[in-house]
Every structure is written in C-alpha cells, then in structure tokens.
C-alpha cells in the first residue's frame, strides 16, 4: 500500500509562515499556504496606493518559502532595489503586481509566479476581496493594517476588529481547508496578521467543519502596546474570539530560551518572550504541547529593505514541522 502524503494547510503570512512552510515542504508536497490580504504597509502599501492592486508582499514570501527553483531565482524574487524611486521594493512584489494589472486576475499572477519559482504545493490568497482593516479600542478608531500595527493599546485592551467592506473566503481556500488533514495557524502578528485572515467571512465556518485537526503555533515574543504580558492561553483566547468558535485542537508553544544578548536587544524595544501559564494550559479544552521550537541561527537583515525591521528571534521551522507531523 502506498502511504499518502499528509495534506497540510497553513494560515498566516509573513516571517512566521515562511519558516514553517520552508520546513514543511521537506515532508510533504501536498501543502497549501493561505495568506492574509490586509497588508498595506511598506512596499506593498505603496503598490496598493499607486496601482490599486491586491497586496503582494506576504504572498511573495510564501511563494519563495515553497520554491524549489535555483537559489538565484529565489533571491531574485526577494531582491530589493537599493536606490532610486524603486528603493525598498522587491522584484517579486513588482512581478505579482505587473501580472495582476496585465491580466486583471490576482490568482493568475500567483499561479504564474508559482510556476516561475517551481513551488511545491500551492499559495492562495485567503480572500480576493480588498480588505481594509478597521480597529476600534476605547473611543478610538484606526483604519488599515499598518496604522493598526503602530497603534498603542492601553493595557488589557482586546480591540474590536472588522473590515470596512465584507471580505469573503476564496472558494479555493475553503476547499483546501475542507480537504486538509491538518490546518495550522502560523505564528504572526496577532492583530495585524492573524486576525485579518481569521475574520474573513467563511473562514471560521470552514475551520469548524473541516475533518482536519486544527493547530495553532504560538508566537515567541510579545509585541509592546499590543500583547504585552500575554501568555500562550491569551493568544488562544483571542484567536477563538476572532472566529467566535472553539476551533483549536492543539497548541504548540516554545519552552526554549533565547540567548541573553538577543533578549537584551529585544528588551530595549519592550519586547519580551511569551509567557507560559501551565496551570491554565492543563485545564484547557485543547491540548497544549511545549517544545524547543526556537531557532538559534542568526538571521541577517536585508540592507536594501527600508520598510521592514526583520526579527532575530524566530521559530526553528524543522522542529515545529516534526512536532506537527507527530499529531498525524
């Protein structure tokens, strides 16, 4: 009997999804990345404003993560122009936006980029609707993912998040969730990256009805002014508040410790590791599994990336991938 490769869906976008997808592709070719479409900062934000395109940035990162093309091709899609009017823009973002303008079909742009990059699996926008995130907290209202990421929430705030106009799940994304063996919510910016994916109309229902096991890989570090002092169970509570349903079966969290020098650098920005309250996790409905999921490799920042500060503390994608596969 031929053993079928596991069918894995990863929901998220950005650095957290990149590390996870890069590792999972070593274990299965049956993998789908579902990417949030609310990004409006950096290079992506400029292209949205000037060309009216859908956000390419997180899509590009997931495409590169799943790529089996020669290193030079992968580097080309991540190449950022060092100067001039294109300074800070990546070639991959420009490529996706150009094909979308040429074909009026963002799905077609993603498929073509996937062909060029020889990806293993699929990358899909979780919605094809334009998403403008709206955040309300206290008496304040902030519009847009980037402005939300810069907002300062009072301690204990649980912001009310929605879209300015309804966003509906991409039918291909709904089918991927329905057919999956494992659905993974990747680590990422809780309110600016994960919430915009989970709030899309139809996502919560798909996660509730799927035959798959649903797993959340918890963040490593809390964000100042957003998740300061959050423990693992706090992240889970917020995720299930967005979906308005108890959709998680498992939660993976890190028990490894970053180096003192990295902790010191993060502390300067008031960023500290996510806390673990084992008493809360023991009585939780879902099963929480701790592991050494921290990467100890040094990740260099792209000197041409004028828009984004890259993180030093990252997940060990291979360690997380192996823990996920054990659940199957």
Protein backbone atom coordinates (compact mmCIF):
# COMPACT_ATOMS: atom_id res chain seq x y z
CA UNK A 1 0.00 0.00 0.00
CA UNK A 2 1.34 3.44 -0.93
CA UNK A 3 1.28 5.83 2.01
CA UNK A 4 -0.42 9.12 1.12
CA UNK A 5 1.44 12.32 1.88
CA UNK A 6 -0.28 14.43 4.56
CA UNK A 7 -2.41 17.29 3.28
CA UNK A 8 -1.42 20.37 5.28
CA UNK A 9 -2.86 23.89 5.14
CA UNK A 10 -1.02 26.82 6.74
CA UNK A 11 -2.88 30.06 7.50
CA UNK A 12 -0.99 33.30 8.07
CA UNK A 13 1.62 35.21 6.14
CA UNK A 14 4.98 36.89 6.70
CA UNK A 15 8.02 35.61 8.60
CA UNK A 16 6.14 33.08 10.75
CA UNK A 17 4.65 31.32 7.75
CA UNK A 18 7.93 31.50 5.83
CA UNK A 19 9.89 29.47 8.41
CA UNK A 20 7.12 26.90 8.76
CA UNK A 21 6.48 26.45 5.02
CA UNK A 22 10.21 26.19 4.27
CA UNK A 23 10.43 23.22 6.64
CA UNK A 24 7.11 21.52 5.86
CA UNK A 25 7.91 21.26 2.14
CA UNK A 26 10.68 18.80 3.13
CA UNK A 27 7.99 16.43 4.45
CA UNK A 28 5.07 16.76 2.03
CA UNK A 29 4.30 18.14 -1.40
CA UNK A 30 0.62 18.36 -0.51
CA UNK A 31 0.74 21.76 1.16
CA UNK A 32 -1.31 24.93 0.77
CA UNK A 33 -0.46 28.35 2.15
CA UNK A 34 -3.48 30.59 2.76
CA UNK A 35 -2.32 34.18 3.04
CA UNK A 36 -3.99 37.14 4.75
CA UNK A 37 -4.75 40.01 2.36
CA UNK A 38 -4.96 43.03 4.66
CA UNK A 39 -1.29 44.07 4.43
CA UNK A 40 -0.98 47.74 3.46
CA UNK A 41 2.44 48.72 4.78
CA UNK A 42 5.91 49.05 3.27
CA UNK A 43 6.47 48.21 -0.38
CA UNK A 44 3.07 46.52 -0.52
CA UNK A 45 1.29 49.65 0.70
CA UNK A 46 2.94 51.82 -1.92
CA UNK A 47 1.90 49.45 -4.72
CA UNK A 48 -1.68 49.30 -3.42
CA UNK A 49 -1.91 53.10 -3.31
CA UNK A 50 -0.27 53.72 -6.68
CA UNK A 51 -1.59 50.77 -8.73
CA UNK A 52 -4.76 49.65 -6.95
CA UNK A 53 -3.51 46.06 -6.75
CA UNK A 54 -4.06 43.42 -4.09
CA UNK A 55 -1.23 43.13 -1.52
CA UNK A 56 1.65 41.03 -2.90
CA UNK A 57 4.16 41.06 -0.02
CA UNK A 58 3.09 38.13 2.17
CA UNK A 59 2.11 36.12 -0.93
CA UNK A 60 5.64 36.59 -2.27
CA UNK A 61 7.22 35.39 0.97
CA UNK A 62 5.12 32.22 0.97
CA UNK A 63 5.91 31.55 -2.70
CA UNK A 64 9.64 31.83 -2.02
CA UNK A 65 9.30 29.58 1.04
CA UNK A 66 7.79 26.80 -1.09
CA UNK A 67 10.12 27.35 -4.03
CA UNK A 68 12.35 24.58 -5.42
CA UNK A 69 13.87 26.89 -8.03
CA UNK A 70 17.62 27.59 -8.10
CA UNK A 71 18.81 29.90 -5.34
CA UNK A 72 19.40 32.72 -7.83
CA UNK A 73 15.70 32.71 -8.80
CA UNK A 74 14.56 32.74 -5.18
CA UNK A 75 16.93 35.58 -4.43
CA UNK A 76 15.62 37.46 -7.47
CA UNK A 77 12.07 37.45 -6.07
CA UNK A 78 13.36 38.73 -2.72
CA UNK A 79 15.76 41.26 -4.27
CA UNK A 80 15.07 44.81 -3.10
CA UNK A 81 16.19 47.76 -5.15
CA UNK A 82 18.83 49.71 -3.20
CA UNK A 83 18.19 53.21 -4.54
CA UNK A 84 16.08 55.40 -6.78
CA UNK A 85 12.30 55.55 -6.99
CA UNK A 86 12.12 51.76 -6.58
CA UNK A 87 14.22 51.78 -3.42
CA UNK A 88 12.94 49.19 -0.93
CA UNK A 89 10.61 47.48 -3.42
CA UNK A 90 11.18 43.78 -4.00
CA UNK A 91 11.25 42.39 -7.53
CA UNK A 92 8.71 39.75 -6.51
CA UNK A 93 6.19 42.37 -5.38
CA UNK A 94 6.58 44.23 -8.67
CA UNK A 95 6.25 40.98 -10.66
CA UNK A 96 2.99 40.00 -8.95
CA UNK A 97 1.53 43.49 -9.33
CA UNK A 98 2.54 43.67 -13.00
CA UNK A 99 0.86 40.37 -13.86
CA UNK A 100 -2.26 41.34 -11.91
CA UNK A 101 -2.52 44.62 -13.86
CA UNK A 102 -1.90 42.79 -17.14
CA UNK A 103 -4.44 40.01 -16.52
CA UNK A 104 -6.85 41.61 -14.01
CA UNK A 105 -6.58 38.31 -12.13
CA UNK A 106 -4.56 38.11 -8.92
CA UNK A 107 -4.96 34.33 -8.77
CA UNK A 108 -3.35 34.14 -12.22
CA UNK A 109 -0.46 36.30 -11.03
CA UNK A 110 0.13 34.00 -8.05
CA UNK A 111 -0.02 30.87 -10.24
CA UNK A 112 2.45 32.32 -12.75
CA UNK A 113 4.86 33.33 -10.00
CA UNK A 114 4.49 29.83 -8.57
CA UNK A 115 5.42 28.33 -11.94
CA UNK A 116 8.49 30.55 -12.22
CA UNK A 117 9.55 29.66 -8.67
CA UNK A 118 8.74 25.94 -9.15
CA UNK A 119 6.84 25.86 -5.87
CA UNK A 120 5.98 22.67 -4.06
CA UNK A 121 2.31 22.93 -3.18
CA UNK A 122 0.06 25.97 -3.58
CA UNK A 123 -0.16 29.55 -2.38
CA UNK A 124 -3.65 31.09 -2.27
CA UNK A 125 -4.96 34.45 -1.11
CA UNK A 126 -7.46 33.68 1.64
CA UNK A 127 -9.78 36.22 0.02
CA UNK A 128 -9.84 38.02 -3.33
CA UNK A 129 -11.69 40.99 -1.88
CA UNK A 130 -9.86 44.18 -0.95
CA UNK A 131 -9.52 44.25 2.82
CA UNK A 132 -9.29 47.47 4.78
CA UNK A 133 -8.91 46.57 8.41
CA UNK A 134 -10.80 48.68 10.97
CA UNK A 135 -9.73 48.60 14.61
CA UNK A 136 -11.75 50.12 17.47
CA UNK A 137 -10.46 50.36 21.02
CA UNK A 138 -11.93 52.63 23.66
CA UNK A 139 -13.17 55.72 21.81
CA UNK A 140 -10.52 55.45 19.11
CA UNK A 141 -10.74 54.02 15.60
CA UNK A 142 -7.80 53.14 13.35
CA UNK A 143 -8.08 52.17 9.69
CA UNK A 144 -5.54 49.99 7.87
CA UNK A 145 -3.21 47.19 8.88
CA UNK A 146 -0.08 49.34 9.09
CA UNK A 147 -1.68 52.01 11.28
CA UNK A 148 -3.11 49.27 13.48
CA UNK A 149 0.38 47.77 13.88
CA UNK A 150 1.63 51.17 15.09
CA UNK A 151 -1.29 51.83 17.47
CA UNK A 152 -0.76 51.83 21.22
CA UNK A 153 -3.46 49.90 23.06
CA UNK A 154 -3.99 50.54 26.78
CA UNK A 155 -3.05 47.56 28.95
CA UNK A 156 -5.68 44.83 28.90
CA UNK A 157 -7.27 46.02 25.66
CA UNK A 158 -8.93 43.49 23.38
CA UNK A 159 -9.56 45.50 20.22
CA UNK A 160 -12.66 45.15 18.09
CA UNK A 161 -11.51 44.25 14.57
CA UNK A 162 -13.52 44.18 11.36
CA UNK A 163 -13.28 45.07 7.66
CA UNK A 164 -14.60 48.30 6.15
CA UNK A 165 -16.34 46.19 3.50
CA UNK A 166 -17.19 42.48 3.69
CA UNK A 167 -14.42 40.08 2.67
CA UNK A 168 -15.41 36.57 1.61
CA UNK A 169 -13.31 33.43 1.62
CA UNK A 170 -11.66 32.46 -1.65
CA UNK A 171 -13.56 29.31 -2.80
CA UNK A 172 -10.24 27.55 -3.44
CA UNK A 173 -9.16 28.36 0.13
CA UNK A 174 -12.43 26.96 1.53
CA UNK A 175 -11.92 23.75 -0.45
CA UNK A 176 -8.31 23.45 0.78
CA UNK A 177 -9.44 23.66 4.43
CA UNK A 178 -12.21 21.12 3.86
CA UNK A 179 -9.82 18.59 2.31
CA UNK A 180 -6.91 19.04 4.74
CA UNK A 181 -5.58 16.54 7.27
CA UNK A 182 -4.01 19.31 9.33
CA UNK A 183 -4.72 23.05 9.40
CA UNK A 184 -2.02 25.15 11.02
CA UNK A 185 -2.46 28.75 12.14
CA UNK A 186 1.09 30.02 11.84
CA UNK A 187 2.75 32.36 14.32
CA UNK A 188 2.43 36.00 13.39
CA UNK A 189 1.37 39.48 14.45
CA UNK A 190 -1.84 38.64 16.34
CA UNK A 191 -3.95 41.67 15.48
CA UNK A 192 -2.34 42.78 12.22
CA UNK A 193 -1.66 39.43 10.51
CA UNK A 194 -3.60 36.52 12.02
CA UNK A 195 -6.84 38.34 12.78
CA UNK A 196 -7.26 39.62 9.18
CA UNK A 197 -7.10 36.03 7.94
CA UNK A 198 -9.49 34.59 10.53
CA UNK A 199 -12.03 37.42 10.22
CA UNK A 200 -12.68 36.75 6.54
CA UNK A 201 -16.29 35.63 6.15
CA UNK A 202 -16.39 31.84 5.77
CA UNK A 203 -13.03 31.04 7.38
CA UNK A 204 -14.42 30.29 10.85
CA UNK A 205 -17.12 28.04 9.40
CA UNK A 206 -14.56 26.20 7.28
CA UNK A 207 -12.33 25.62 10.31
CA UNK A 208 -15.24 24.37 12.37
CA UNK A 209 -16.49 21.96 9.70
CA UNK A 210 -13.17 20.55 8.44
CA UNK A 211 -12.21 16.96 9.17
CA UNK A 212 -8.67 18.23 9.86
CA UNK A 213 -7.00 18.74 13.19
CA UNK A 214 -6.60 22.48 13.81
CA UNK A 215 -3.33 23.59 15.38
CA UNK A 216 -2.01 26.99 16.46
CA UNK A 217 1.75 27.55 16.66
CA UNK A 218 2.10 30.25 19.30
CA UNK A 219 4.28 33.33 18.92
CA UNK A 220 7.68 33.55 20.59
CA UNK A 221 7.70 37.22 21.57
CA UNK A 222 5.03 39.68 22.71
CA UNK A 223 4.52 42.99 20.92
CA UNK A 224 4.71 46.17 23.01
CA UNK A 225 1.46 48.16 23.09
CA UNK A 226 -0.44 45.15 21.72
CA UNK A 227 0.25 41.88 23.53
CA UNK A 228 2.48 42.96 26.42
CA UNK A 229 2.33 40.33 29.16
CA UNK A 230 0.32 37.84 27.09
CA UNK A 231 0.68 34.16 27.91
CA UNK A 232 0.07 31.29 25.48
CA UNK A 233 -3.55 30.87 26.58
CA UNK A 234 -4.20 34.59 25.98
CA UNK A 235 -3.26 34.20 22.32
CA UNK A 236 -5.57 31.21 22.01
CA UNK A 237 -8.44 33.13 23.61
CA UNK A 238 -8.03 35.98 21.13
CA UNK A 239 -7.83 33.65 18.13
CA UNK A 240 -11.05 31.94 19.14
CA UNK A 241 -12.64 35.34 19.82
CA UNK A 242 -11.97 36.26 16.18
CA UNK A 243 -13.59 33.06 14.92
CA UNK A 244 -16.36 33.15 17.56
CA UNK A 245 -15.93 29.38 17.75
CA UNK A 246 -13.75 26.89 19.64
CA UNK A 247 -11.82 25.71 16.60
CA UNK A 248 -8.44 24.60 18.01
CA UNK A 249 -7.49 21.01 18.84
CA UNK A 250 -3.80 21.58 19.62
CA UNK A 251 -1.46 24.43 20.52
CA UNK A 252 2.32 24.26 20.18
CA UNK A 253 4.38 26.62 22.34
CA UNK A 254 8.08 27.19 22.87
CA UNK A 255 9.95 26.31 26.09
CA UNK A 256 13.45 27.17 24.84
CA UNK A 257 15.22 30.38 25.90
CA UNK A 258 16.80 32.93 23.52
CA UNK A 259 20.39 33.98 24.12
CA UNK A 260 20.96 36.74 26.71
CA UNK A 261 22.22 39.11 24.00
CA UNK A 262 19.05 38.66 21.92
CA UNK A 263 16.84 39.10 25.00
CA UNK A 264 18.70 42.29 25.82
CA UNK A 265 18.23 43.68 22.31
CA UNK A 266 14.51 42.89 22.35
CA UNK A 267 14.08 44.35 25.85
CA UNK A 268 15.28 47.71 24.52
CA UNK A 269 12.08 47.75 22.43
CA UNK A 270 9.96 46.45 25.32
CA UNK A 271 9.59 43.05 23.63
CA UNK A 272 9.68 40.01 25.90
CA UNK A 273 9.08 36.26 25.41
CA UNK A 274 5.50 34.98 25.50
CA UNK A 275 4.68 33.75 28.99
CA UNK A 276 3.57 30.20 29.79
CA UNK A 277 0.96 29.59 32.49
CA UNK A 278 0.97 25.81 32.78
CA UNK A 279 -1.99 25.80 35.19
CA UNK A 280 -4.16 27.45 32.52
CA UNK A 281 -2.92 25.10 29.80
CA UNK A 282 -3.56 21.97 31.87
CA UNK A 283 -7.24 22.77 32.24
CA UNK A 284 -7.69 23.98 28.66
CA UNK A 285 -10.10 22.30 26.24
CA UNK A 286 -7.34 21.97 23.61
CA UNK A 287 -4.11 20.02 24.11
CA UNK A 288 -1.08 22.28 24.64
CA UNK A 289 2.32 20.83 23.70
CA UNK A 290 5.58 22.51 24.68
CA UNK A 291 8.84 22.02 22.79
CA UNK A 292 12.17 23.53 21.88
CA UNK A 293 10.94 25.43 18.86
CA UNK A 294 13.42 28.32 18.88
CA UNK A 295 15.96 28.82 16.09
CA UNK A 296 19.46 29.70 17.28
CA UNK A 297 20.68 30.72 13.83
CA UNK A 298 21.46 34.38 13.17
CA UNK A 299 19.17 35.92 10.55
CA UNK A 300 20.67 38.84 8.68
CA UNK A 301 18.57 41.84 7.73
CA UNK A 302 18.34 42.76 4.05
CA UNK A 303 20.25 46.09 3.83
CA UNK A 304 18.01 47.22 0.96
CA UNK A 305 14.81 46.67 2.94
CA UNK A 306 13.94 50.20 4.02
CA UNK A 307 10.41 49.26 5.04
CA UNK A 308 10.60 46.35 7.49
CA UNK A 309 12.63 45.52 10.60
CA UNK A 310 13.28 41.77 10.46
CA UNK A 311 13.17 39.69 13.61
CA UNK A 312 16.14 37.89 15.17
CA UNK A 313 14.10 35.56 17.37
CA UNK A 314 12.43 33.06 15.07
CA UNK A 315 10.95 29.58 15.15
CA UNK A 316 13.02 26.56 14.21
CA UNK A 317 10.82 25.54 11.28
CA UNK A 318 12.09 21.97 11.19
CA UNK A 319 11.45 21.39 14.91
CA UNK A 320 7.91 22.75 14.55
CA UNK A 321 7.28 20.71 11.38
CA UNK A 322 8.29 17.47 13.12
CA UNK A 323 6.02 18.24 16.08
CA UNK A 324 3.12 18.92 13.71
CA UNK A 325 3.64 15.69 11.79
CA UNK A 326 3.52 13.73 15.07
CA UNK A 327 -0.07 14.93 15.50
CA UNK A 328 -0.98 12.93 12.37
